[in-house]
Amino acid sequence: MTDYVQLTKEQVRNHPLYGFGGWMIPAIIWFGIGCLLTLGTFFDAPSEPIKLPSRQVIGFSIGTLLPSVIFLVPPVLYLFFSYRVKVTFRYQIKNNDPFLAEIREKDQKTTDAGTQQPQPRVTASASVTPSPPETSSSSGEVFTSPEAPAPTGKTEQDSSSEQAARQEFYEAAYLELENDKKVIGVWARALAESDGEDTKAKARYIALRVEEMEAQSREKERSEQEARQREAEAIERYNSVEGVCERLAEKVWVEDIDPSEYGENFERAFIEFEETFRVKAGFAFTVKIPQKLLMVAFVDEMNGTNRINYEEFVYSPHRRSRLLMAFFEGGRLAQERLLYDE
C-alpha cells in the first residue's frame, strides 16, 4: 500500500495534478447521468398498485436499477481511488512523488535562510579599536586583538537599545583616550594588566571603562525603578483609607472649627463616639482630639457632597471605624501635640 504525506493547500497548489482536469470531469458528468437515471426510475414506477408475476417484477427491478449502478459505481470508485482527488481535495501526495522532494528542498532553503546569522565584517581600524573582553576557564583573562574584535554570543543576543547604549559607552571611553581625559585609576590598572604595552593598555582601558559605565547605567536604572516604585506606593497609600486617616489626624491641628455650626445633637453624638473610642483604644484622651477629628471628617465629607445628614454620618459604622483608625494611625503624633498644648 502506498503511503501518503499530508501537506497544506499552499504546498500542493503547484502540483501537476492539482485542480479539475483529467478523468475528473468525465467522472463528474458520468455521476450526474447516474443520478438522473436513478431519479427516472422513481418517475417510471406505476402510480397505482398492479399485480404482476414475480418474474416480471424481478426483471423490472433489475432493468431499472442496473443503469443506475453502472453510472454511479464507477464515479464513486474514481473519487475514492483517484490520485488527483487526493491531491486536490485532501492535500495528500505519495511518499515517492518527485514533487515532495521539491517541497522539502524549498522548505529547507527557507529554514536555512531564516536561521542564517549575518557574518561580522572585519575592516581596517585605527591603532586603538575597543573590543569586549572574553573570559576563559583559567584564572587569567583572554583579550582579543584590538584590530579585529570578535563579537560574543551575548552581544548577538542584546537588544537594539542595549547595543546602542554600549556603542555610546565605547565612544565615550575612546574619546577619553583621544582627549587625554583618562581616569587615572583605570588607566593604571590597564597598564598593569597589559605589562606596560601601550596598545594593549588602551584596549584594556576602554574595556574596563565600558564595564564601569554599564554598571553605573544599571545602578541608575535600578534607582529610577525604585523611585518609581516608591512613588506608586506613595500614591496608593495617599488614596487608601490609612492615608485619609493620616491626613485627617494632621488636619486637626491646623484648623479651628466651631462645634456650634453642626447643631444641638452634636454633643450627644460626640459623647457616644468618645465612649466607643475609649473602649476600642484602651486608654482615655482629652475631649478635644476626637471632637476635632469628628468635625474635620464631617466638614470634608460635606465639602465633597455638598449635602449630608449629620446624624447618619456620626452613627455610620463605616465612618466611625475610619475615624477610629485615624486615631491609631496618628496616635503618637496626637499624644505629643496634646502634651505639648497642655
Protein backbone atom coordinates (compact mmCIF):
# COMPACT_ATOMS: atom_id res chain seq x y z
CA MET A 1 0.00 0.00 0.00
CA THR A 2 1.33 3.40 -0.99
CA ASP A 3 1.96 5.83 1.83
CA TYR A 4 0.66 9.37 1.52
CA VAL A 5 2.03 12.55 3.07
CA GLN A 6 -0.34 15.20 4.37
CA LEU A 7 0.50 18.73 3.16
CA THR A 8 -1.16 22.12 3.16
CA LYS A 9 -3.15 23.70 0.38
CA GLU A 10 -0.38 26.20 -0.35
CA GLN A 11 2.19 23.40 -0.70
CA VAL A 12 0.19 21.31 -3.20
CA ARG A 13 -1.10 24.27 -5.21
CA ASN A 14 1.70 23.88 -7.79
CA HIS A 15 1.33 20.10 -8.12
CA PRO A 16 0.64 18.98 -11.75
CA LEU A 17 -2.49 17.08 -10.66
CA TYR A 18 -3.93 19.88 -8.55
CA GLY A 19 -7.29 21.22 -9.77
CA PHE A 20 -10.05 19.97 -12.05
CA GLY A 21 -8.83 18.05 -15.06
CA GLY A 22 -8.08 14.63 -16.47
CA TRP A 23 -10.66 11.96 -15.70
CA MET A 24 -12.27 14.05 -13.00
CA ILE A 25 -14.51 15.97 -15.43
CA PRO A 26 -15.87 12.84 -17.21
CA ALA A 27 -16.39 11.20 -13.80
CA ILE A 28 -18.48 14.15 -12.63
CA ILE A 29 -20.56 14.06 -15.83
CA TRP A 30 -20.95 10.28 -15.54
CA PHE A 31 -22.04 10.65 -11.92
CA GLY A 32 -24.65 13.27 -12.91
CA ILE A 33 -26.12 10.97 -15.54
CA GLY A 34 -26.38 8.19 -12.96
CA CYS A 35 -28.25 10.47 -10.59
CA LEU A 36 -30.70 11.43 -13.33
CA LEU A 37 -31.29 7.78 -14.25
CA THR A 38 -31.91 6.92 -10.61
CA LEU A 39 -34.49 9.69 -10.37
CA GLY A 40 -36.04 8.48 -13.61
CA THR A 41 -36.70 5.03 -12.17
CA PHE A 42 -38.87 6.59 -9.50
CA PHE A 43 -40.94 8.50 -12.06
CA ASP A 44 -41.35 5.39 -14.25
CA ALA A 45 -42.77 3.35 -11.40
CA PRO A 46 -46.54 2.69 -11.52
CA SER A 47 -48.61 5.25 -9.70
CA GLU A 48 -51.17 2.61 -8.71
CA PRO A 49 -50.62 -0.91 -7.34
CA ILE A 50 -50.70 -3.59 -10.05
CA LYS A 51 -50.35 -7.31 -9.89
CA LEU A 52 -47.52 -8.84 -11.95
CA PRO A 53 -45.85 -12.22 -11.95
CA SER A 54 -42.77 -12.47 -9.77
CA ARG A 55 -40.62 -12.99 -12.82
CA GLN A 56 -41.71 -9.68 -14.32
CA VAL A 57 -41.19 -7.85 -11.01
CA ILE A 58 -37.62 -9.14 -10.73
CA GLY A 59 -36.91 -8.26 -14.33
CA PHE A 60 -38.38 -4.79 -13.92
CA SER A 61 -36.28 -4.15 -10.81
CA ILE A 62 -33.06 -5.28 -12.46
CA GLY A 63 -33.84 -3.31 -15.60
CA THR A 64 -34.43 -0.08 -13.70
CA LEU A 65 -31.61 -0.33 -11.13
CA LEU A 66 -28.85 -1.72 -13.33
CA PRO A 67 -28.30 1.52 -15.32
CA SER A 68 -28.07 3.45 -12.08
CA VAL A 69 -25.47 1.02 -10.74
CA ILE A 70 -23.47 1.22 -13.96
CA PHE A 71 -23.46 5.01 -13.94
CA LEU A 72 -22.98 5.55 -10.19
CA VAL A 73 -20.44 2.95 -9.08
CA PRO A 74 -17.53 3.89 -11.41
CA PRO A 75 -17.56 7.61 -10.45
CA VAL A 76 -17.70 6.68 -6.76
CA LEU A 77 -14.73 4.33 -7.17
CA TYR A 78 -12.88 7.03 -9.09
CA LEU A 79 -13.47 9.60 -6.34
CA PHE A 80 -12.23 7.10 -3.75
CA PHE A 81 -9.07 5.91 -5.53
CA SER A 82 -8.15 8.87 -7.76
CA TYR A 83 -4.74 10.40 -7.09
CA ARG A 84 -5.94 13.75 -8.49
CA VAL A 85 -8.80 13.81 -5.98
CA LYS A 86 -6.38 13.15 -3.11
CA VAL A 87 -4.11 15.98 -4.26
CA THR A 88 -6.90 18.49 -4.96
CA PHE A 89 -9.26 17.91 -2.04
CA ARG A 90 -7.29 16.01 0.62
CA TYR A 91 -3.89 17.71 0.02
CA GLN A 92 -2.14 14.32 0.08
CA ILE A 93 0.64 13.17 -2.23
CA LYS A 94 2.53 9.90 -2.48
CA ASN A 95 5.66 9.46 -0.45
CA ASN A 96 7.65 8.68 -3.62
CA ASP A 97 6.26 11.61 -5.60
CA PRO A 98 9.11 13.75 -7.06
CA PHE A 99 7.09 16.84 -6.21
CA LEU A 100 7.50 16.03 -2.49
CA ALA A 101 11.28 16.23 -2.83
CA GLU A 102 10.94 19.71 -4.38
CA ILE A 103 8.75 20.88 -1.49
CA ARG A 104 11.20 19.57 1.12
CA GLU A 105 14.12 21.19 -0.66
CA LYS A 106 12.28 24.52 -0.80
CA ASP A 107 11.37 24.30 2.91
CA GLN A 108 14.98 23.51 3.79
CA LYS A 109 16.22 26.57 1.90
CA THR A 110 13.65 28.75 3.67
CA THR A 111 14.71 27.38 7.08
CA ASP A 112 18.39 27.90 6.33
CA ALA A 113 17.76 31.46 5.19
CA GLY A 114 15.80 32.23 8.35
CA THR A 115 18.40 30.79 10.75
CA GLN A 116 21.49 32.12 8.99
CA GLN A 117 23.21 34.81 11.05
CA PRO A 118 24.94 37.74 9.35
CA GLN A 119 28.70 37.39 9.45
CA PRO A 120 30.66 40.24 11.02
CA ARG A 121 32.58 42.33 8.53
CA VAL A 122 36.18 42.95 9.55
CA THR A 123 37.58 46.25 8.38
CA ALA A 124 40.85 48.02 8.90
CA SER A 125 40.81 50.05 12.09
CA ALA A 126 42.90 52.60 13.87
CA SER A 127 45.62 51.66 16.28
CA VAL A 128 43.06 51.51 19.08
CA THR A 129 39.78 49.66 18.45
CA PRO A 130 37.89 48.63 21.61
CA SER A 131 36.62 45.10 21.96
CA PRO A 132 34.69 43.38 24.74
CA PRO A 133 36.85 41.14 26.91
CA GLU A 134 36.45 37.36 26.66
CA THR A 135 36.58 35.18 29.75
CA SER A 136 38.30 31.81 29.87
CA SER A 137 38.29 28.89 32.27
CA SER A 138 41.71 29.83 33.61
CA SER A 139 42.31 32.31 36.38
CA GLY A 140 43.53 34.98 33.95
CA GLU A 141 41.63 36.84 31.25
CA VAL A 142 41.97 36.48 27.50
CA PHE A 143 41.77 39.62 25.38
CA THR A 144 41.10 39.71 21.66
CA SER A 145 43.20 41.62 19.21
CA PRO A 146 42.19 45.30 19.03
CA GLU A 147 42.41 45.20 15.22
CA ALA A 148 39.67 42.57 14.76
CA PRO A 149 37.20 42.34 17.66
CA ALA A 150 35.15 39.15 17.65
CA PRO A 151 31.52 39.54 18.71
CA THR A 152 30.50 37.33 21.60
CA GLY A 153 27.28 35.38 21.93
CA LYS A 154 25.96 37.87 24.47
CA THR A 155 26.46 40.75 22.01
CA GLU A 156 24.41 38.91 19.38
CA GLN A 157 21.55 38.46 21.85
CA ASP A 158 21.46 42.06 23.05
CA SER A 159 18.54 44.16 22.06
CA SER A 160 18.98 47.10 19.74
CA SER A 161 18.68 49.58 22.60
CA GLU A 162 21.36 47.82 24.64
CA GLN A 163 23.65 47.71 21.62
CA ALA A 164 23.16 51.43 21.03
CA ALA A 165 23.93 52.20 24.68
CA ARG A 166 27.05 50.04 24.59
CA GLN A 167 28.18 51.76 21.42
CA GLU A 168 27.89 55.10 23.23
CA PHE A 169 29.96 53.74 26.12
CA TYR A 170 32.73 52.63 23.75
CA GLU A 171 32.68 56.00 22.05
CA ALA A 172 32.90 57.85 25.37
CA ALA A 173 35.81 55.69 26.55
CA TYR A 174 37.64 56.18 23.26
CA LEU A 175 37.19 59.95 23.45
CA GLU A 176 38.68 59.90 26.94
CA LEU A 177 41.83 58.42 25.46
CA GLU A 178 41.90 60.77 22.48
CA ASN A 179 41.35 63.89 24.61
CA ASP A 180 43.74 62.72 27.33
CA LYS A 181 40.99 62.70 29.96
CA LYS A 182 41.66 59.22 31.24
CA VAL A 183 40.56 58.04 34.67
CA ILE A 184 43.91 57.59 36.38
CA GLY A 185 42.98 54.56 38.45
CA VAL A 186 41.52 52.69 35.50
CA TRP A 187 44.47 53.61 33.27
CA ALA A 188 46.94 52.37 35.89
CA ARG A 189 45.11 49.06 36.13
CA ALA A 190 45.06 48.71 32.34
CA LEU A 191 48.82 49.32 32.16
CA ALA A 192 49.48 46.78 34.90
CA GLU A 193 47.36 44.10 33.23
CA SER A 194 48.95 44.79 29.82
CA ASP A 195 52.58 44.66 31.08
CA GLY A 196 53.09 48.27 30.08
CA GLU A 197 52.36 47.72 26.37
CA ASP A 198 50.64 50.88 25.21
CA THR A 199 48.33 49.45 22.53
CA LYS A 200 47.01 46.65 24.75
CA ALA A 201 46.73 49.06 27.66
CA LYS A 202 44.49 51.36 25.61
CA ALA A 203 42.27 48.47 24.54
CA ARG A 204 42.09 47.22 28.12
CA TYR A 205 41.31 50.74 29.40
CA ILE A 206 38.36 51.01 27.01
CA ALA A 207 37.06 47.59 28.09
CA LEU A 208 37.32 48.50 31.78
CA ARG A 209 35.65 51.87 31.29
CA VAL A 210 32.79 50.28 29.35
CA GLU A 211 32.26 47.83 32.21
CA GLU A 212 32.16 50.73 34.67
CA MET A 213 29.71 52.71 32.53
CA GLU A 214 27.44 49.68 32.14
CA ALA A 215 27.47 49.11 35.91
CA GLN A 216 26.66 52.78 36.51
CA SER A 217 23.86 52.59 33.95
CA ARG A 218 22.37 49.52 35.63
CA GLU A 219 22.60 51.18 39.04
CA LYS A 220 20.92 54.31 37.71
CA GLU A 221 18.14 52.27 36.13
CA ARG A 222 17.67 50.35 39.38
CA SER A 223 17.50 53.60 41.38
CA GLU A 224 14.95 55.06 38.96
CA GLN A 225 12.89 51.88 39.18
CA GLU A 226 12.93 52.04 42.98
CA ALA A 227 11.95 55.72 42.85
CA ARG A 228 9.03 54.93 40.56
CA GLN A 229 8.01 52.09 42.87
CA ARG A 230 8.15 54.36 45.92
CA GLU A 231 6.12 56.99 44.10
CA ALA A 232 3.49 54.43 43.12
CA GLU A 233 3.31 53.16 46.69
CA ALA A 234 3.01 56.72 47.99
CA ILE A 235 0.14 57.44 45.60
CA GLU A 236 -1.57 54.20 46.57
CA ARG A 237 -1.19 54.99 50.26
CA TYR A 238 -2.40 58.55 49.74
CA ASN A 239 -5.61 57.24 48.20
CA SER A 240 -6.06 54.44 50.76
CA VAL A 241 -8.10 54.58 53.95
CA GLU A 242 -4.90 54.74 56.00
CA GLY A 243 -3.71 57.73 54.01
CA VAL A 244 -7.00 59.52 54.51
CA CYS A 245 -6.81 58.88 58.24
CA GLU A 246 -3.25 60.17 58.45
CA ARG A 247 -4.14 63.39 56.67
CA LEU A 248 -7.23 63.70 58.84
CA ALA A 249 -5.16 63.44 62.03
CA GLU A 250 -2.71 66.05 60.72
CA LYS A 251 -5.51 68.40 59.76
CA VAL A 252 -6.84 68.52 63.32
CA TRP A 253 -4.01 70.79 64.42
CA VAL A 254 -4.21 73.35 61.65
CA GLU A 255 -7.94 74.08 61.57
CA ASP A 256 -10.15 75.71 64.16
CA ILE A 257 -13.75 74.52 63.86
CA ASP A 258 -16.72 75.80 65.84
CA PRO A 259 -18.86 72.88 67.13
CA SER A 260 -21.95 75.14 67.26
CA GLU A 261 -22.13 75.06 63.45
CA TYR A 262 -23.31 71.47 63.44
CA GLY A 263 -26.48 71.51 65.53
CA GLU A 264 -27.64 70.68 69.02
CA ASN A 265 -27.28 66.93 68.66
CA PHE A 266 -23.51 67.17 68.18
CA GLU A 267 -22.72 66.86 71.89
CA ARG A 268 -24.84 63.74 72.32
CA ALA A 269 -23.35 62.13 69.22
CA PHE A 270 -19.84 63.07 70.23
CA ILE A 271 -20.21 61.58 73.73
CA GLU A 272 -21.24 58.24 72.27
CA PHE A 273 -18.39 58.37 69.79
CA GLU A 274 -15.88 59.20 72.52
CA GLU A 275 -17.04 56.28 74.67
CA THR A 276 -16.69 53.93 71.70
CA PHE A 277 -13.19 55.21 71.05
CA ARG A 278 -12.10 54.75 74.65
CA VAL A 279 -13.30 51.15 74.69
CA LYS A 280 -11.52 50.38 71.40
CA ALA A 281 -8.29 52.19 72.21
CA GLY A 282 -7.99 51.07 75.81
CA PHE A 283 -6.94 54.47 77.16
CA ALA A 284 -8.53 57.88 77.66
CA PHE A 285 -7.99 61.00 75.60
CA THR A 286 -8.88 64.59 76.24
CA VAL A 287 -12.15 65.51 74.56
CA LYS A 288 -10.78 67.94 72.01
CA ILE A 289 -8.93 65.31 69.97
CA PRO A 290 -11.91 63.09 68.98
CA GLN A 291 -14.09 66.19 68.84
CA LYS A 292 -11.85 67.89 66.30
CA LEU A 293 -11.35 64.70 64.31
CA LEU A 294 -15.08 64.14 64.06
CA MET A 295 -15.73 67.70 62.95
CA VAL A 296 -12.92 67.71 60.38
CA ALA A 297 -14.17 64.46 58.88
CA PHE A 298 -17.68 65.83 58.71
CA VAL A 299 -16.51 69.04 57.01
CA ASP A 300 -14.51 67.05 54.44
CA GLU A 301 -17.49 64.87 53.71
CA MET A 302 -19.83 67.81 53.43
CA ASN A 303 -17.48 69.68 51.10
CA GLY A 304 -17.28 66.66 48.84
CA THR A 305 -21.01 66.01 48.55
CA ASN A 306 -22.50 69.44 49.39
CA ARG A 307 -25.26 67.70 51.30
CA ILE A 308 -25.02 65.24 54.16
CA ASN A 309 -27.11 64.09 57.10
CA TYR A 310 -25.06 64.73 60.19
CA GLU A 311 -26.68 62.05 62.36
CA GLU A 312 -26.23 59.40 59.67
CA PHE A 313 -22.62 60.47 59.35
CA VAL A 314 -21.93 60.27 63.09
CA TYR A 315 -23.66 56.93 63.65
CA SER A 316 -22.40 55.27 60.45
CA PRO A 317 -20.28 52.22 61.40
CA HIS A 318 -18.08 52.68 58.33
CA ARG A 319 -17.20 56.30 59.04
CA ARG A 320 -16.85 55.68 62.74
CA SER A 321 -14.35 52.89 62.12
CA ARG A 322 -12.48 55.17 59.72
CA LEU A 323 -12.16 57.80 62.45
CA LEU A 324 -11.01 55.20 64.95
CA MET A 325 -8.35 54.15 62.51
CA ALA A 326 -7.29 57.78 62.26
CA PHE A 327 -6.57 57.75 65.99
CA PHE A 328 -4.47 54.61 65.74
CA GLU A 329 -2.54 55.85 62.68
CA GLY A 330 -1.86 59.27 64.13
CA GLY A 331 -1.92 58.30 67.80
CA ARG A 332 1.71 59.07 68.58
CA LEU A 333 1.55 62.49 66.93
CA ALA A 334 -1.73 63.25 68.70
CA GLN A 335 -0.28 62.39 72.10
CA GLU A 336 2.81 64.54 71.52
CA ARG A 337 0.75 67.53 70.38
CA LEU A 338 -1.68 67.10 73.26
CA LEU A 339 1.06 67.01 75.90
CA TYR A 340 2.73 69.99 74.27
CA ASP A 341 -0.50 72.01 74.26
CA GLU A 342 -1.18 71.22 77.89
